[in-house]
Amino acid sequence: LTDAHADAALDAMRVAAGKRVQGILEHSRRRHYGHAALLVASCVAYAPKRRRAELSQWAMRLREQYRRRHAFRSELARACEGVGVSLSA
């Protein structure tokens, strides 16, 4: 893949993951929090080094946006650990 194609794929993943998180959390579908969190963590994990900071900030904004959803935040931390990425505090 060229960088442009990889960026387009990553951007599409990010949009899809964001919509999935929003849909699940707006309807309080707790059994699906883990899936949504894994999608977010995967976007960060698959980001090339030149975009890792950008995707990490996006994931941190999602975590902050849903700060009252402790179960989601726990699932996001678990998913990040599972794919080997770290979101700064």
C-alpha atoms as a PDB file:
ATOM      1  CA  LEU A   1       0.000   0.000   0.000  1.00  0.00           C
ATOM      2  CA  THR A   2       1.067   3.520  -0.640  1.00  0.00           C
ATOM      3  CA  ASP A   3       1.018   5.968   2.242  1.00  0.00           C
ATOM      4  CA  ALA A   4      -2.064   7.622   0.755  1.00  0.00           C
ATOM      5  CA  HIS A   5      -3.939   4.310   0.587  1.00  0.00           C
ATOM      6  CA  ALA A   6      -2.888   3.355   4.107  1.00  0.00           C
ATOM      7  CA  ASP A   7      -3.992   6.761   5.392  1.00  0.00           C
ATOM      8  CA  ALA A   8      -7.362   6.407   3.661  1.00  0.00           C
ATOM      9  CA  ALA A   9      -7.877   2.961   5.181  1.00  0.00           C
ATOM     10  CA  LEU A  10      -6.899   4.189   8.645  1.00  0.00           C
ATOM     11  CA  ASP A  11      -9.196   7.207   8.356  1.00  0.00           C
ATOM     12  CA  ALA A  12     -12.075   4.923   7.360  1.00  0.00           C
ATOM     13  CA  MET A  13     -11.328   2.666  10.343  1.00  0.00           C
ATOM     14  CA  ARG A  14     -11.325   5.669  12.650  1.00  0.00           C
ATOM     15  CA  VAL A  15     -14.676   6.947  11.369  1.00  0.00           C
ATOM     16  CA  ALA A  16     -16.237   3.487  11.652  1.00  0.00           C
ATOM     17  CA  ALA A  17     -14.861   2.956  15.153  1.00  0.00           C
ATOM     18  CA  GLY A  18     -16.105   6.364  16.271  1.00  0.00           C
ATOM     19  CA  LYS A  19     -19.595   5.681  14.955  1.00  0.00           C
ATOM     20  CA  ARG A  20     -19.621   2.255  16.607  1.00  0.00           C
ATOM     21  CA  VAL A  21     -18.595   3.734  19.962  1.00  0.00           C
ATOM     22  CA  GLN A  22     -21.219   6.446  19.691  1.00  0.00           C
ATOM     23  CA  GLY A  23     -23.982   4.011  18.753  1.00  0.00           C
ATOM     24  CA  ILE A  24     -23.162   1.535  21.502  1.00  0.00           C
ATOM     25  CA  LEU A  25     -22.743   4.112  24.244  1.00  0.00           C
ATOM     26  CA  GLU A  26     -25.800   6.150  23.289  1.00  0.00           C
ATOM     27  CA  HIS A  27     -27.920   3.032  23.664  1.00  0.00           C
ATOM     28  CA  SER A  28     -26.034   1.737  26.738  1.00  0.00           C
ATOM     29  CA  ARG A  29     -25.310  -1.626  25.142  1.00  0.00           C
ATOM     30  CA  ARG A  30     -22.835  -2.670  27.833  1.00  0.00           C
ATOM     31  CA  ARG A  31     -22.240  -6.127  26.419  1.00  0.00           C
ATOM     32  CA  HIS A  32     -20.726  -4.466  23.335  1.00  0.00           C
ATOM     33  CA  TYR A  33     -18.394  -2.000  25.082  1.00  0.00           C
ATOM     34  CA  GLY A  34     -15.458  -4.375  24.654  1.00  0.00           C
ATOM     35  CA  HIS A  35     -15.953  -4.571  20.894  1.00  0.00           C
ATOM     36  CA  ALA A  36     -16.134  -0.809  20.539  1.00  0.00           C
ATOM     37  CA  ALA A  37     -13.050  -0.375  22.706  1.00  0.00           C
ATOM     38  CA  LEU A  38     -11.132  -2.938  20.652  1.00  0.00           C
ATOM     39  CA  LEU A  39     -11.934  -1.039  17.455  1.00  0.00           C
ATOM     40  CA  VAL A  40     -10.549   2.172  18.951  1.00  0.00           C
ATOM     41  CA  ALA A  41      -7.425   0.453  20.300  1.00  0.00           C
ATOM     42  CA  SER A  42      -6.858  -1.249  16.934  1.00  0.00           C
ATOM     43  CA  CYS A  43      -6.892   2.092  15.134  1.00  0.00           C
ATOM     44  CA  VAL A  44      -4.127   3.320  17.416  1.00  0.00           C
ATOM     45  CA  ALA A  45      -2.192   0.052  17.148  1.00  0.00           C
ATOM     46  CA  TYR A  46      -2.269  -0.035  13.339  1.00  0.00           C
ATOM     47  CA  ALA A  47      -1.347   3.617  12.909  1.00  0.00           C
ATOM     48  CA  PRO A  48       2.077   4.189  11.390  1.00  0.00           C
ATOM     49  CA  LYS A  49       4.549   5.964  13.650  1.00  0.00           C
ATOM     50  CA  ARG A  50       3.995   9.266  11.867  1.00  0.00           C
ATOM     51  CA  ARG A  51       0.286   9.171  12.819  1.00  0.00           C
ATOM     52  CA  ARG A  52       0.448   7.398  16.181  1.00  0.00           C
ATOM     53  CA  ALA A  53       0.238  10.644  18.210  1.00  0.00           C
ATOM     54  CA  GLU A  54      -2.777  11.829  16.198  1.00  0.00           C
ATOM     55  CA  LEU A  55      -4.682   8.577  16.726  1.00  0.00           C
ATOM     56  CA  SER A  56      -3.699   8.408  20.392  1.00  0.00           C
ATOM     57  CA  GLN A  57      -5.108  11.900  20.916  1.00  0.00           C
ATOM     58  CA  TRP A  58      -8.316  10.870  19.156  1.00  0.00           C
ATOM     59  CA  ALA A  59      -8.664   7.844  21.434  1.00  0.00           C
ATOM     60  CA  MET A  60      -7.978   9.996  24.504  1.00  0.00           C
ATOM     61  CA  ARG A  61     -10.663  12.461  23.377  1.00  0.00           C
ATOM     62  CA  LEU A  62     -13.137   9.586  23.111  1.00  0.00           C
ATOM     63  CA  ARG A  63     -12.131   8.400  26.567  1.00  0.00           C
ATOM     64  CA  GLU A  64     -12.665  11.923  27.921  1.00  0.00           C
ATOM     65  CA  GLN A  65     -15.946  12.390  26.044  1.00  0.00           C
ATOM     66  CA  TYR A  66     -17.322   9.279  27.748  1.00  0.00           C
ATOM     67  CA  ARG A  67     -15.578   9.816  31.092  1.00  0.00           C
ATOM     68  CA  ARG A  68     -18.755   8.929  32.998  1.00  0.00           C
ATOM     69  CA  ARG A  69     -18.918   5.529  31.313  1.00  0.00           C
ATOM     70  CA  HIS A  70     -16.526   3.726  33.636  1.00  0.00           C
ATOM     71  CA  ALA A  71     -17.242   0.313  32.116  1.00  0.00           C
ATOM     72  CA  PHE A  72     -16.274   1.621  28.670  1.00  0.00           C
ATOM     73  CA  ARG A  73     -13.131   3.245  30.018  1.00  0.00           C
ATOM     74  CA  SER A  74     -12.157  -0.054  31.643  1.00  0.00           C
ATOM     75  CA  GLU A  75     -12.771  -1.918  28.407  1.00  0.00           C
ATOM     76  CA  LEU A  76     -10.721   0.649  26.499  1.00  0.00           C
ATOM     77  CA  ALA A  77      -7.811   0.241  28.915  1.00  0.00           C
ATOM     78  CA  ARG A  78      -8.075  -3.553  28.599  1.00  0.00           C
ATOM     79  CA  ALA A  79      -8.216  -3.375  24.793  1.00  0.00           C
ATOM     80  CA  CYS A  80      -5.221  -1.044  24.619  1.00  0.00           C
ATOM     81  CA  GLU A  81      -3.232  -3.347  26.846  1.00  0.00           C
ATOM     82  CA  GLY A  82      -4.277  -6.299  24.699  1.00  0.00           C
ATOM     83  CA  VAL A  83      -3.011  -4.757  21.459  1.00  0.00           C
ATOM     84  CA  GLY A  84       0.082  -3.268  23.098  1.00  0.00           C
ATOM     85  CA  VAL A  85      -0.648   0.449  22.999  1.00  0.00           C
ATOM     86  CA  SER A  86      -0.685   3.002  25.760  1.00  0.00           C
ATOM     87  CA  LEU A  87      -2.855   6.080  26.019  1.00  0.00           C
ATOM     88  CA  SER A  88      -1.219   8.813  28.045  1.00  0.00           C
ATOM     89  CA  ALA A  89      -3.092  10.121  31.075  1.00  0.00           C
END
